[in-house]
Amino acid sequence: MSLERAKKVDELIKRELGRIFLREIEAPEGSLITITQAETSPDLLEARVWISVFPIHFAGRIMKEINRKIGYLQGLLNRRLIIYPLPRIRFILDQTEEKADEIEKVFDKIKK
């Protein structure tokens, strides 16, 4: 698969899952769920989808719900995508913001 097609598939998966999440995932009040990245394997058999949760203390609860509904979410995505083969999705918690915050705290300590 060409690099350009892979990028288009990644963006399509990201966009469609975002739409699905708006209707299907019940986020706790005061929380925000963002799909930060989607990456499809070259053979289109798997798609890794990174999810950011804010505030982070809701992450466990939200990831549990997403993984509980993964078959249902996969089915909804499969009906929306017109590609073959249909990639099997796997969700990963994106902890980039938390790691950046930890580094920031270390730098603050060093300054003092």
PDB file of N, CA and C in Angstrom:
ATOM      1  N   MET A   1       0.845  -1.167   0.000  1.00  0.00           N
ATOM      2  CA  MET A   1       0.000   0.000   0.000  1.00  0.00           C
ATOM      3  C   MET A   1       0.897   1.238   0.000  1.00  0.00           C
ATOM      4  N   SER A   2       0.521   2.226  -0.782  1.00  0.00           N
ATOM      5  CA  SER A   2       1.328   3.434  -0.877  1.00  0.00           C
ATOM      6  C   SER A   2       1.213   4.258   0.408  1.00  0.00           C
ATOM      7  N   LEU A   3       2.213   5.070   0.655  1.00  0.00           N
ATOM      8  CA  LEU A   3       2.240   5.915   1.844  1.00  0.00           C
ATOM      9  C   LEU A   3       1.066   6.889   1.848  1.00  0.00           C
ATOM     10  N   GLU A   4       0.754   7.429   0.683  1.00  0.00           N
ATOM     11  CA  GLU A   4      -0.357   8.375   0.597  1.00  0.00           C
ATOM     12  C   GLU A   4      -1.691   7.701   0.916  1.00  0.00           C
ATOM     13  N   ARG A   5      -1.889   6.488   0.410  1.00  0.00           N
ATOM     14  CA  ARG A   5      -3.135   5.764   0.708  1.00  0.00           C
ATOM     15  C   ARG A   5      -3.203   5.438   2.195  1.00  0.00           C
ATOM     16  N   ALA A   6      -2.089   5.052   2.776  1.00  0.00           N
ATOM     17  CA  ALA A   6      -2.056   4.733   4.209  1.00  0.00           C
ATOM     18  C   ALA A   6      -2.470   5.950   5.033  1.00  0.00           C
ATOM     19  N   LYS A   7      -1.971   7.115   4.677  1.00  0.00           N
ATOM     20  CA  LYS A   7      -2.337   8.335   5.402  1.00  0.00           C
ATOM     21  C   LYS A   7      -3.826   8.634   5.264  1.00  0.00           C
ATOM     22  N   LYS A   8      -4.374   8.426   4.076  1.00  0.00           N
ATOM     23  CA  LYS A   8      -5.801   8.662   3.858  1.00  0.00           C
ATOM     24  C   LYS A   8      -6.646   7.695   4.688  1.00  0.00           C
ATOM     25  N   VAL A   9      -6.249   6.443   4.737  1.00  0.00           N
ATOM     26  CA  VAL A   9      -6.973   5.449   5.531  1.00  0.00           C
ATOM     27  C   VAL A   9      -6.892   5.810   7.010  1.00  0.00           C
ATOM     28  N   ASP A  10      -5.711   6.211   7.471  1.00  0.00           N
ATOM     29  CA  ASP A  10      -5.540   6.616   8.868  1.00  0.00           C
ATOM     30  C   ASP A  10      -6.472   7.773   9.217  1.00  0.00           C
ATOM     31  N   GLU A  11      -6.519   8.779   8.369  1.00  0.00           N
ATOM     32  CA  GLU A  11      -7.380   9.940   8.624  1.00  0.00           C
ATOM     33  C   GLU A  11      -8.856   9.560   8.566  1.00  0.00           C
ATOM     34  N   LEU A  12      -9.219   8.681   7.647  1.00  0.00           N
ATOM     35  CA  LEU A  12     -10.598   8.227   7.539  1.00  0.00           C
ATOM     36  C   LEU A  12     -11.024   7.499   8.813  1.00  0.00           C
ATOM     37  N   ILE A  13     -10.182   6.614   9.301  1.00  0.00           N
ATOM     38  CA  ILE A  13     -10.481   5.882  10.531  1.00  0.00           C
ATOM     39  C   ILE A  13     -10.598   6.848  11.702  1.00  0.00           C
ATOM     40  N   LYS A  14      -9.687   7.769  11.803  1.00  0.00           N
ATOM     41  CA  LYS A  14      -9.698   8.753  12.888  1.00  0.00           C
ATOM     42  C   LYS A  14     -10.991   9.580  12.859  1.00  0.00           C
ATOM     43  N   ARG A  15     -11.353  10.063  11.692  1.00  0.00           N
ATOM     44  CA  ARG A  15     -12.553  10.892  11.552  1.00  0.00           C
ATOM     45  C   ARG A  15     -13.826  10.110  11.869  1.00  0.00           C
ATOM     46  N   GLU A  16     -13.944   8.905  11.304  1.00  0.00           N
ATOM     47  CA  GLU A  16     -15.160   8.127  11.512  1.00  0.00           C
ATOM     48  C   GLU A  16     -15.295   7.643  12.950  1.00  0.00           C
ATOM     49  N   LEU A  17     -14.195   7.247  13.568  1.00  0.00           N
ATOM     50  CA  LEU A  17     -14.273   6.852  14.980  1.00  0.00           C
ATOM     51  C   LEU A  17     -14.623   8.042  15.861  1.00  0.00           C
ATOM     52  N   GLY A  18     -14.138   9.222  15.516  1.00  0.00           N
ATOM     53  CA  GLY A  18     -14.507  10.426  16.259  1.00  0.00           C
ATOM     54  C   GLY A  18     -16.011  10.643  16.226  1.00  0.00           C
ATOM     55  N   ARG A  19     -16.590  10.471  15.071  1.00  0.00           N
ATOM     56  CA  ARG A  19     -18.054  10.619  14.932  1.00  0.00           C
ATOM     57  C   ARG A  19     -18.789   9.546  15.727  1.00  0.00           C
ATOM     58  N   ILE A  20     -18.291   8.334  15.661  1.00  0.00           N
ATOM     59  CA  ILE A  20     -18.911   7.232  16.396  1.00  0.00           C
ATOM     60  C   ILE A  20     -18.817   7.488  17.900  1.00  0.00           C
ATOM     61  N   PHE A  21     -17.656   7.937  18.369  1.00  0.00           N
ATOM     62  CA  PHE A  21     -17.462   8.189  19.795  1.00  0.00           C
ATOM     63  C   PHE A  21     -18.443   9.231  20.320  1.00  0.00           C
ATOM     64  N   LEU A  22     -18.731  10.252  19.530  1.00  0.00           N
ATOM     65  CA  LEU A  22     -19.654  11.300  19.966  1.00  0.00           C
ATOM     66  C   LEU A  22     -21.013  10.725  20.355  1.00  0.00           C
ATOM     67  N   ARG A  23     -21.450   9.698  19.648  1.00  0.00           N
ATOM     68  CA  ARG A  23     -22.767   9.118  19.911  1.00  0.00           C
ATOM     69  C   ARG A  23     -22.734   7.905  20.828  1.00  0.00           C
ATOM     70  N   GLU A  24     -21.660   7.148  20.791  1.00  0.00           N
ATOM     71  CA  GLU A  24     -21.673   5.833  21.432  1.00  0.00           C
ATOM     72  C   GLU A  24     -20.924   5.724  22.759  1.00  0.00           C
ATOM     73  N   ILE A  25     -20.017   6.628  23.039  1.00  0.00           N
ATOM     74  CA  ILE A  25     -19.227   6.538  24.271  1.00  0.00           C
ATOM     75  C   ILE A  25     -19.729   7.588  25.256  1.00  0.00           C
ATOM     76  N   GLU A  26     -20.162   7.119  26.403  1.00  0.00           N
ATOM     77  CA  GLU A  26     -20.660   8.021  27.438  1.00  0.00           C
ATOM     78  C   GLU A  26     -19.490   8.456  28.307  1.00  0.00           C
ATOM     79  N   ALA A  27     -19.020   9.653  28.057  1.00  0.00           N
ATOM     80  CA  ALA A  27     -17.901  10.201  28.823  1.00  0.00           C
ATOM     81  C   ALA A  27     -18.437  10.818  30.107  1.00  0.00           C
ATOM     82  N   PRO A  28     -17.723  10.627  31.208  1.00  0.00           N
ATOM     83  CA  PRO A  28     -18.147  11.270  32.459  1.00  0.00           C
ATOM     84  C   PRO A  28     -18.197  12.784  32.289  1.00  0.00           C
ATOM     85  N   GLU A  29     -19.106  13.417  33.008  1.00  0.00           N
ATOM     86  CA  GLU A  29     -19.219  14.873  32.930  1.00  0.00           C
ATOM     87  C   GLU A  29     -17.893  15.513  33.326  1.00  0.00           C
ATOM     88  N   GLY A  30     -17.483  16.486  32.553  1.00  0.00           N
ATOM     89  CA  GLY A  30     -16.236  17.178  32.824  1.00  0.00           C
ATOM     90  C   GLY A  30     -15.022  16.506  32.213  1.00  0.00           C
ATOM     91  N   SER A  31     -15.244  15.488  31.374  1.00  0.00           N
ATOM     92  CA  SER A  31     -14.115  14.807  30.738  1.00  0.00           C
ATOM     93  C   SER A  31     -14.149  15.043  29.237  1.00  0.00           C
ATOM     94  N   LEU A  32     -13.015  14.825  28.624  1.00  0.00           N
ATOM     95  CA  LEU A  32     -12.872  15.023  27.188  1.00  0.00           C
ATOM     96  C   LEU A  32     -12.107  13.839  26.608  1.00  0.00           C
ATOM     97  N   ILE A  33     -12.643  13.252  25.566  1.00  0.00           N
ATOM     98  CA  ILE A  33     -11.994  12.137  24.871  1.00  0.00           C
ATOM     99  C   ILE A  33     -11.605  12.627  23.484  1.00  0.00           C
ATOM    100  N   THR A  34     -10.345  12.419  23.126  1.00  0.00           N
ATOM    101  CA  THR A  34      -9.856  12.847  21.816  1.00  0.00           C
ATOM    102  C   THR A  34      -9.107  11.698  21.158  1.00  0.00           C
ATOM    103  N   ILE A  35      -9.403  11.453  19.905  1.00  0.00           N
ATOM    104  CA  ILE A  35      -8.625  10.489  19.133  1.00  0.00           C
ATOM    105  C   ILE A  35      -7.453  11.283  18.563  1.00  0.00           C
ATOM    106  N   THR A  36      -6.260  10.964  19.051  1.00  0.00           N
ATOM    107  CA  THR A  36      -5.097  11.760  18.673  1.00  0.00           C
ATOM    108  C   THR A  36      -4.401  11.246  17.426  1.00  0.00           C
ATOM    109  N   GLN A  37      -4.487   9.935  17.187  1.00  0.00           N
ATOM    110  CA  GLN A  37      -3.766   9.365  16.046  1.00  0.00           C
ATOM    111  C   GLN A  37      -4.362   8.007  15.695  1.00  0.00           C
ATOM    112  N   ALA A  38      -4.318   7.682  14.437  1.00  0.00           N
ATOM    113  CA  ALA A  38      -4.660   6.349  13.956  1.00  0.00           C
ATOM    114  C   ALA A  38      -3.544   5.914  13.023  1.00  0.00           C
ATOM    115  N   GLU A  39      -3.130   4.680  13.162  1.00  0.00           N
ATOM    116  CA  GLU A  39      -2.044   4.167  12.326  1.00  0.00           C
ATOM    117  C   GLU A  39      -2.408   2.756  11.863  1.00  0.00           C
ATOM    118  N   THR A  40      -2.536   2.607  10.570  1.00  0.00           N
ATOM    119  CA  THR A  40      -2.905   1.330   9.982  1.00  0.00           C
ATOM    120  C   THR A  40      -1.661   0.570   9.564  1.00  0.00           C
ATOM    121  N   SER A  41      -1.677  -0.731   9.781  1.00  0.00           N
ATOM    122  CA  SER A  41      -0.551  -1.550   9.342  1.00  0.00           C
ATOM    123  C   SER A  41      -0.502  -1.555   7.810  1.00  0.00           C
ATOM    124  N   PRO A  42       0.668  -1.790   7.219  1.00  0.00           N
ATOM    125  CA  PRO A  42       0.793  -1.759   5.757  1.00  0.00           C
ATOM    126  C   PRO A  42      -0.141  -2.739   5.035  1.00  0.00           C
ATOM    127  N   ASP A  43      -0.483  -3.847   5.696  1.00  0.00           N
ATOM    128  CA  ASP A  43      -1.371  -4.823   5.058  1.00  0.00           C
ATOM    129  C   ASP A  43      -2.852  -4.552   5.342  1.00  0.00           C
ATOM    130  N   LEU A  44      -3.153  -3.454   6.041  1.00  0.00           N
ATOM    131  CA  LEU A  44      -4.521  -3.034   6.392  1.00  0.00           C
ATOM    132  C   LEU A  44      -5.248  -4.012   7.318  1.00  0.00           C
ATOM    133  N   LEU A  45      -4.540  -4.882   7.981  1.00  0.00           N
ATOM    134  CA  LEU A  45      -5.197  -5.848   8.855  1.00  0.00           C
ATOM    135  C   LEU A  45      -5.443  -5.303  10.257  1.00  0.00           C
ATOM    136  N   GLU A  46      -4.668  -4.308  10.653  1.00  0.00           N
ATOM    137  CA  GLU A  46      -4.812  -3.760  11.998  1.00  0.00           C
ATOM    138  C   GLU A  46      -4.680  -2.245  11.961  1.00  0.00           C
ATOM    139  N   ALA A  47      -5.450  -1.604  12.827  1.00  0.00           N
ATOM    140  CA  ALA A  47      -5.337  -0.153  12.992  1.00  0.00           C
ATOM    141  C   ALA A  47      -5.197   0.135  14.482  1.00  0.00           C
ATOM    142  N   ARG A  48      -4.103   0.784  14.840  1.00  0.00           N
ATOM    143  CA  ARG A  48      -3.911   1.215  16.227  1.00  0.00           C
ATOM    144  C   ARG A  48      -4.429   2.639  16.331  1.00  0.00           C
ATOM    145  N   VAL A  49      -5.262   2.866  17.350  1.00  0.00           N
ATOM    146  CA  VAL A  49      -5.895   4.164  17.533  1.00  0.00           C
ATOM    147  C   VAL A  49      -5.547   4.666  18.929  1.00  0.00           C
ATOM    148  N   TRP A  50      -4.886   5.835  18.983  1.00  0.00           N
ATOM    149  CA  TRP A  50      -4.496   6.419  20.257  1.00  0.00           C
ATOM    150  C   TRP A  50      -5.577   7.375  20.733  1.00  0.00           C
ATOM    151  N   ILE A  51      -5.896   7.256  22.030  1.00  0.00           N
ATOM    152  CA  ILE A  51      -6.949   8.064  22.629  1.00  0.00           C
ATOM    153  C   ILE A  51      -6.379   8.838  23.804  1.00  0.00           C
ATOM    154  N   SER A  52      -6.667  10.133  23.829  1.00  0.00           N
ATOM    155  CA  SER A  52      -6.270  10.983  24.939  1.00  0.00           C
ATOM    156  C   SER A  52      -7.503  11.263  25.781  1.00  0.00           C
ATOM    157  N   VAL A  53      -7.340  11.191  27.103  1.00  0.00           N
ATOM    158  CA  VAL A  53      -8.445  11.449  28.019  1.00  0.00           C
ATOM    159  C   VAL A  53      -8.024  12.559  28.972  1.00  0.00           C
ATOM    160  N   PHE A  54      -8.900  13.552  29.111  1.00  0.00           N
ATOM    161  CA  PHE A  54      -8.640  14.652  30.036  1.00  0.00           C
ATOM    162  C   PHE A  54      -9.859  14.864  30.905  1.00  0.00           C
ATOM    163  N   PRO A  55      -9.711  14.977  32.175  1.00  0.00           N
ATOM    164  CA  PRO A  55      -8.526  14.751  32.988  1.00  0.00           C
ATOM    165  C   PRO A  55      -8.176  13.268  33.040  1.00  0.00           C
ATOM    166  N   ILE A  56      -6.915  12.999  33.279  1.00  0.00           N
ATOM    167  CA  ILE A  56      -6.376  11.650  33.175  1.00  0.00           C
ATOM    168  C   ILE A  56      -7.011  10.669  34.161  1.00  0.00           C
ATOM    169  N   HIS A  57      -7.543  11.152  35.274  1.00  0.00           N
ATOM    170  CA  HIS A  57      -8.104  10.210  36.244  1.00  0.00           C
ATOM    171  C   HIS A  57      -9.352   9.493  35.709  1.00  0.00           C
ATOM    172  N   PHE A  58      -9.922   9.969  34.611  1.00  0.00           N
ATOM    173  CA  PHE A  58     -11.041   9.273  33.971  1.00  0.00           C
ATOM    174  C   PHE A  58     -10.577   8.220  32.966  1.00  0.00           C
ATOM    175  N   ALA A  59      -9.294   8.161  32.691  1.00  0.00           N
ATOM    176  CA  ALA A  59      -8.778   7.302  31.624  1.00  0.00           C
ATOM    177  C   ALA A  59      -9.127   5.832  31.818  1.00  0.00           C
ATOM    178  N   GLY A  60      -8.929   5.311  33.009  1.00  0.00           N
ATOM    179  CA  GLY A  60      -9.213   3.897  33.250  1.00  0.00           C
ATOM    180  C   GLY A  60     -10.663   3.553  32.987  1.00  0.00           C
ATOM    181  N   ARG A  61     -11.537   4.387  33.485  1.00  0.00           N
ATOM    182  CA  ARG A  61     -12.983   4.168  33.314  1.00  0.00           C
ATOM    183  C   ARG A  61     -13.391   4.225  31.838  1.00  0.00           C
ATOM    184  N   ILE A  62     -12.879   5.221  31.135  1.00  0.00           N
ATOM    185  CA  ILE A  62     -13.234   5.397  29.727  1.00  0.00           C
ATOM    186  C   ILE A  62     -12.644   4.273  28.871  1.00  0.00           C
ATOM    187  N   MET A  63     -11.386   3.922  29.109  1.00  0.00           N
ATOM    188  CA  MET A  63     -10.762   2.842  28.330  1.00  0.00           C
ATOM    189  C   MET A  63     -11.479   1.516  28.581  1.00  0.00           C
ATOM    190  N   LYS A  64     -11.941   1.303  29.797  1.00  0.00           N
ATOM    191  CA  LYS A  64     -12.687   0.083  30.115  1.00  0.00           C
ATOM    192  C   LYS A  64     -13.983   0.023  29.287  1.00  0.00           C
ATOM    193  N   GLU A  65     -14.691   1.159  29.214  1.00  0.00           N
ATOM    194  CA  GLU A  65     -15.926   1.204  28.429  1.00  0.00           C
ATOM    195  C   GLU A  65     -15.645   0.994  26.939  1.00  0.00           C
ATOM    196  N   ILE A  66     -14.603   1.634  26.434  1.00  0.00           N
ATOM    197  CA  ILE A  66     -14.255   1.497  25.019  1.00  0.00           C
ATOM    198  C   ILE A  66     -13.914   0.045  24.699  1.00  0.00           C
ATOM    199  N   ASN A  67     -13.107  -0.576  25.537  1.00  0.00           N
ATOM    200  CA  ASN A  67     -12.722  -1.967  25.281  1.00  0.00           C
ATOM    201  C   ASN A  67     -13.895  -2.930  25.470  1.00  0.00           C
ATOM    202  N   ARG A  68     -14.846  -2.581  26.342  1.00  0.00           N
ATOM    203  CA  ARG A  68     -16.042  -3.404  26.511  1.00  0.00           C
ATOM    204  C   ARG A  68     -16.907  -3.354  25.240  1.00  0.00           C
ATOM    205  N   LYS A  69     -16.904  -2.208  24.570  1.00  0.00           N
ATOM    206  CA  LYS A  69     -17.727  -2.005  23.373  1.00  0.00           C
ATOM    207  C   LYS A  69     -16.941  -2.185  22.075  1.00  0.00           C
ATOM    208  N   ILE A  70     -15.736  -2.718  22.150  1.00  0.00           N
ATOM    209  CA  ILE A  70     -14.869  -2.737  20.969  1.00  0.00           C
ATOM    210  C   ILE A  70     -15.503  -3.488  19.794  1.00  0.00           C
ATOM    211  N   GLY A  71     -16.179  -4.589  20.036  1.00  0.00           N
ATOM    212  CA  GLY A  71     -16.829  -5.320  18.947  1.00  0.00           C
ATOM    213  C   GLY A  71     -17.913  -4.496  18.283  1.00  0.00           C
ATOM    214  N   TYR A  72     -18.699  -3.828  19.086  1.00  0.00           N
ATOM    215  CA  TYR A  72     -19.767  -2.967  18.579  1.00  0.00           C
ATOM    216  C   TYR A  72     -19.187  -1.797  17.787  1.00  0.00           C
ATOM    217  N   LEU A  73     -18.155  -1.158  18.346  1.00  0.00           N
ATOM    218  CA  LEU A  73     -17.507  -0.035  17.651  1.00  0.00           C
ATOM    219  C   LEU A  73     -16.883  -0.483  16.336  1.00  0.00           C
ATOM    220  N   GLN A  74     -16.271  -1.676  16.358  1.00  0.00           N
ATOM    221  CA  GLN A  74     -15.677  -2.237  15.140  1.00  0.00           C
ATOM    222  C   GLN A  74     -16.753  -2.431  14.074  1.00  0.00           C
ATOM    223  N   GLY A  75     -17.891  -2.959  14.485  1.00  0.00           N
ATOM    224  CA  GLY A  75     -18.999  -3.175  13.543  1.00  0.00           C
ATOM    225  C   GLY A  75     -19.495  -1.870  12.935  1.00  0.00           C
ATOM    226  N   LEU A  76     -19.652  -0.836  13.766  1.00  0.00           N
ATOM    227  CA  LEU A  76     -20.091   0.467  13.254  1.00  0.00           C
ATOM    228  C   LEU A  76     -19.068   1.032  12.269  1.00  0.00           C
ATOM    229  N   LEU A  77     -17.801   0.917  12.612  1.00  0.00           N
ATOM    230  CA  LEU A  77     -16.747   1.415  11.721  1.00  0.00           C
ATOM    231  C   LEU A  77     -16.730   0.641  10.409  1.00  0.00           C
ATOM    232  N   ASN A  78     -16.884  -0.670  10.483  1.00  0.00           N
ATOM    233  CA  ASN A  78     -16.875  -1.501   9.279  1.00  0.00           C
ATOM    234  C   ASN A  78     -17.996  -1.118   8.316  1.00  0.00           C
ATOM    235  N   ARG A  79     -19.153  -0.745   8.849  1.00  0.00           N
ATOM    236  CA  ARG A  79     -20.275  -0.344   7.984  1.00  0.00           C
ATOM    237  C   ARG A  79     -20.008   1.007   7.317  1.00  0.00           C
ATOM    238  N   ARG A  80     -19.181   1.839   7.924  1.00  0.00           N
ATOM    239  CA  ARG A  80     -18.904   3.169   7.371  1.00  0.00           C
ATOM    240  C   ARG A  80     -17.750   3.167   6.375  1.00  0.00           C
ATOM    241  N   LEU A  81     -16.808   2.254   6.546  1.00  0.00           N
ATOM    242  CA  LEU A  81     -15.630   2.228   5.685  1.00  0.00           C
ATOM    243  C   LEU A  81     -15.885   1.372   4.450  1.00  0.00           C
ATOM    244  N   ILE A  82     -15.398   1.837   3.346  1.00  0.00           N
ATOM    245  CA  ILE A  82     -15.505   1.076   2.104  1.00  0.00           C
ATOM    246  C   ILE A  82     -14.087   0.770   1.651  1.00  0.00           C
ATOM    247  N   ILE A  83     -13.411  -0.062   2.439  1.00  0.00           N
ATOM    248  CA  ILE A  83     -12.054  -0.482   2.100  1.00  0.00           C
ATOM    249  C   ILE A  83     -11.935  -1.971   2.362  1.00  0.00           C
ATOM    250  N   TYR A  84     -10.999  -2.581   1.694  1.00  0.00           N
ATOM    251  CA  TYR A  84     -10.758  -3.998   1.890  1.00  0.00           C
ATOM    252  C   TYR A  84      -9.262  -4.242   1.959  1.00  0.00           C
ATOM    253  N   PRO A  85      -8.778  -5.006   2.897  1.00  0.00           N
ATOM    254  CA  PRO A  85      -9.520  -5.606   4.010  1.00  0.00           C
ATOM    255  C   PRO A  85      -9.851  -4.545   5.054  1.00  0.00           C
ATOM    256  N   LEU A  86     -10.842  -4.842   5.887  1.00  0.00           N
ATOM    257  CA  LEU A  86     -11.224  -3.924   6.950  1.00  0.00           C
ATOM    258  C   LEU A  86     -10.274  -4.103   8.124  1.00  0.00           C
ATOM    259  N   PRO A  87      -9.590  -3.052   8.536  1.00  0.00           N
ATOM    260  CA  PRO A  87      -8.637  -3.191   9.637  1.00  0.00           C
ATOM    261  C   PRO A  87      -9.334  -3.458  10.971  1.00  0.00           C
ATOM    262  N   ARG A  88      -8.724  -4.297  11.766  1.00  0.00           N
ATOM    263  CA  ARG A  88      -9.211  -4.570  13.118  1.00  0.00           C
ATOM    264  C   ARG A  88      -8.616  -3.498  14.037  1.00  0.00           C
ATOM    265  N   ILE A  89      -9.491  -2.808  14.775  1.00  0.00           N
ATOM    266  CA  ILE A  89      -9.018  -1.690  15.586  1.00  0.00           C
ATOM    267  C   ILE A  89      -8.536  -2.154  16.959  1.00  0.00           C
ATOM    268  N   ARG A  90      -7.532  -1.434  17.442  1.00  0.00           N
ATOM    269  CA  ARG A  90      -6.996  -1.655  18.784  1.00  0.00           C
ATOM    270  C   ARG A  90      -6.765  -0.274  19.377  1.00  0.00           C
ATOM    271  N   PHE A  91      -7.326  -0.050  20.556  1.00  0.00           N
ATOM    272  CA  PHE A  91      -7.224   1.259  21.196  1.00  0.00           C
ATOM    273  C   PHE A  91      -6.070   1.284  22.182  1.00  0.00           C
ATOM    274  N   ILE A  92      -5.357   2.416  22.181  1.00  0.00           N
ATOM    275  CA  ILE A  92      -4.202   2.620  23.043  1.00  0.00           C
ATOM    276  C   ILE A  92      -4.374   3.978  23.727  1.00  0.00           C
ATOM    277  N   LEU A  93      -4.140   4.016  25.031  1.00  0.00           N
ATOM    278  CA  LEU A  93      -4.225   5.277  25.756  1.00  0.00           C
ATOM    279  C   LEU A  93      -2.998   6.118  25.424  1.00  0.00           C
ATOM    280  N   ASP A  94      -3.224   7.319  24.934  1.00  0.00           N
ATOM    281  CA  ASP A  94      -2.148   8.253  24.593  1.00  0.00           C
ATOM    282  C   ASP A  94      -1.782   9.019  25.859  1.00  0.00           C
ATOM    283  N   GLN A  95      -0.582   8.811  26.354  1.00  0.00           N
ATOM    284  CA  GLN A  95      -0.150   9.451  27.589  1.00  0.00           C
ATOM    285  C   GLN A  95       0.900  10.537  27.337  1.00  0.00           C
ATOM    286  N   THR A  96       0.934  11.062  26.150  1.00  0.00           N
ATOM    287  CA  THR A  96       1.912  12.084  25.781  1.00  0.00           C
ATOM    288  C   THR A  96       1.812  13.304  26.686  1.00  0.00           C
ATOM    289  N   GLU A  97       0.596  13.770  26.933  1.00  0.00           N
ATOM    290  CA  GLU A  97       0.412  14.970  27.756  1.00  0.00           C
ATOM    291  C   GLU A  97       0.898  14.750  29.185  1.00  0.00           C
ATOM    292  N   GLU A  98       0.626  13.570  29.733  1.00  0.00           N
ATOM    293  CA  GLU A  98       1.047  13.275  31.102  1.00  0.00           C
ATOM    294  C   GLU A  98       2.572  13.216  31.198  1.00  0.00           C
ATOM    295  N   LYS A  99       3.207  12.611  30.197  1.00  0.00           N
ATOM    296  CA  LYS A  99       4.665  12.534  30.184  1.00  0.00           C
ATOM    297  C   LYS A  99       5.273  13.927  30.046  1.00  0.00           C
ATOM    298  N   ALA A 100       4.675  14.769  29.219  1.00  0.00           N
ATOM    299  CA  ALA A 100       5.161  16.137  29.052  1.00  0.00           C
ATOM    300  C   ALA A 100       5.020  16.906  30.361  1.00  0.00           C
ATOM    301  N   ASP A 101       3.929  16.675  31.069  1.00  0.00           N
ATOM    302  CA  ASP A 101       3.709  17.337  32.354  1.00  0.00           C
ATOM    303  C   ASP A 101       4.768  16.904  33.372  1.00  0.00           C
ATOM    304  N   GLU A 102       5.107  15.613  33.380  1.00  0.00           N
ATOM    305  CA  GLU A 102       6.143  15.114  34.286  1.00  0.00           C
ATOM    306  C   GLU A 102       7.500  15.758  33.973  1.00  0.00           C
ATOM    307  N   ILE A 103       7.825  15.873  32.709  1.00  0.00           N
ATOM    308  CA  ILE A 103       9.087  16.495  32.304  1.00  0.00           C
ATOM    309  C   ILE A 103       9.104  17.965  32.719  1.00  0.00           C
ATOM    310  N   GLU A 104       7.975  18.631  32.533  1.00  0.00           N
ATOM    311  CA  GLU A 104       7.857  20.034  32.931  1.00  0.00           C
ATOM    312  C   GLU A 104       8.118  20.199  34.433  1.00  0.00           C
ATOM    313  N   LYS A 105       7.588  19.292  35.243  1.00  0.00           N
ATOM    314  CA  LYS A 105       7.798  19.347  36.697  1.00  0.00           C
ATOM    315  C   LYS A 105       9.276  19.142  37.045  1.00  0.00           C
ATOM    316  N   VAL A 106       9.940  18.240  36.325  1.00  0.00           N
ATOM    317  CA  VAL A 106      11.371  18.021  36.555  1.00  0.00           C
ATOM    318  C   VAL A 106      12.158  19.279  36.224  1.00  0.00           C
ATOM    319  N   PHE A 107      11.827  19.928  35.119  1.00  0.00           N
ATOM    320  CA  PHE A 107      12.507  21.166  34.747  1.00  0.00           C
ATOM    321  C   PHE A 107      12.265  22.263  35.783  1.00  0.00           C
ATOM    322  N   ASP A 108      11.048  22.330  36.299  1.00  0.00           N
ATOM    323  CA  ASP A 108      10.739  23.327  37.339  1.00  0.00           C
ATOM    324  C   ASP A 108      11.580  23.081  38.588  1.00  0.00           C
ATOM    325  N   LYS A 109      11.774  21.820  38.961  1.00  0.00           N
ATOM    326  CA  LYS A 109      12.583  21.482  40.127  1.00  0.00           C
ATOM    327  C   LYS A 109      14.048  21.875  39.893  1.00  0.00           C
ATOM    328  N   ILE A 110      14.512  21.637  38.679  1.00  0.00           N
ATOM    329  CA  ILE A 110      15.902  21.968  38.333  1.00  0.00           C
ATOM    330  C   ILE A 110      16.108  23.484  38.400  1.00  0.00           C
ATOM    331  N   LYS A 111      15.135  24.259  37.939  1.00  0.00           N
ATOM    332  CA  LYS A 111      15.233  25.719  37.978  1.00  0.00           C
ATOM    333  C   LYS A 111      15.361  26.233  39.397  1.00  0.00           C
ATOM    334  N   LYS A 112      14.657  25.594  40.305  1.00  0.00           N
ATOM    335  CA  LYS A 112      14.639  26.040  41.709  1.00  0.00           C
ATOM    336  C   LYS A 112      15.898  25.585  42.369  1.00  0.00           C
TER     337      LYS A 112
END
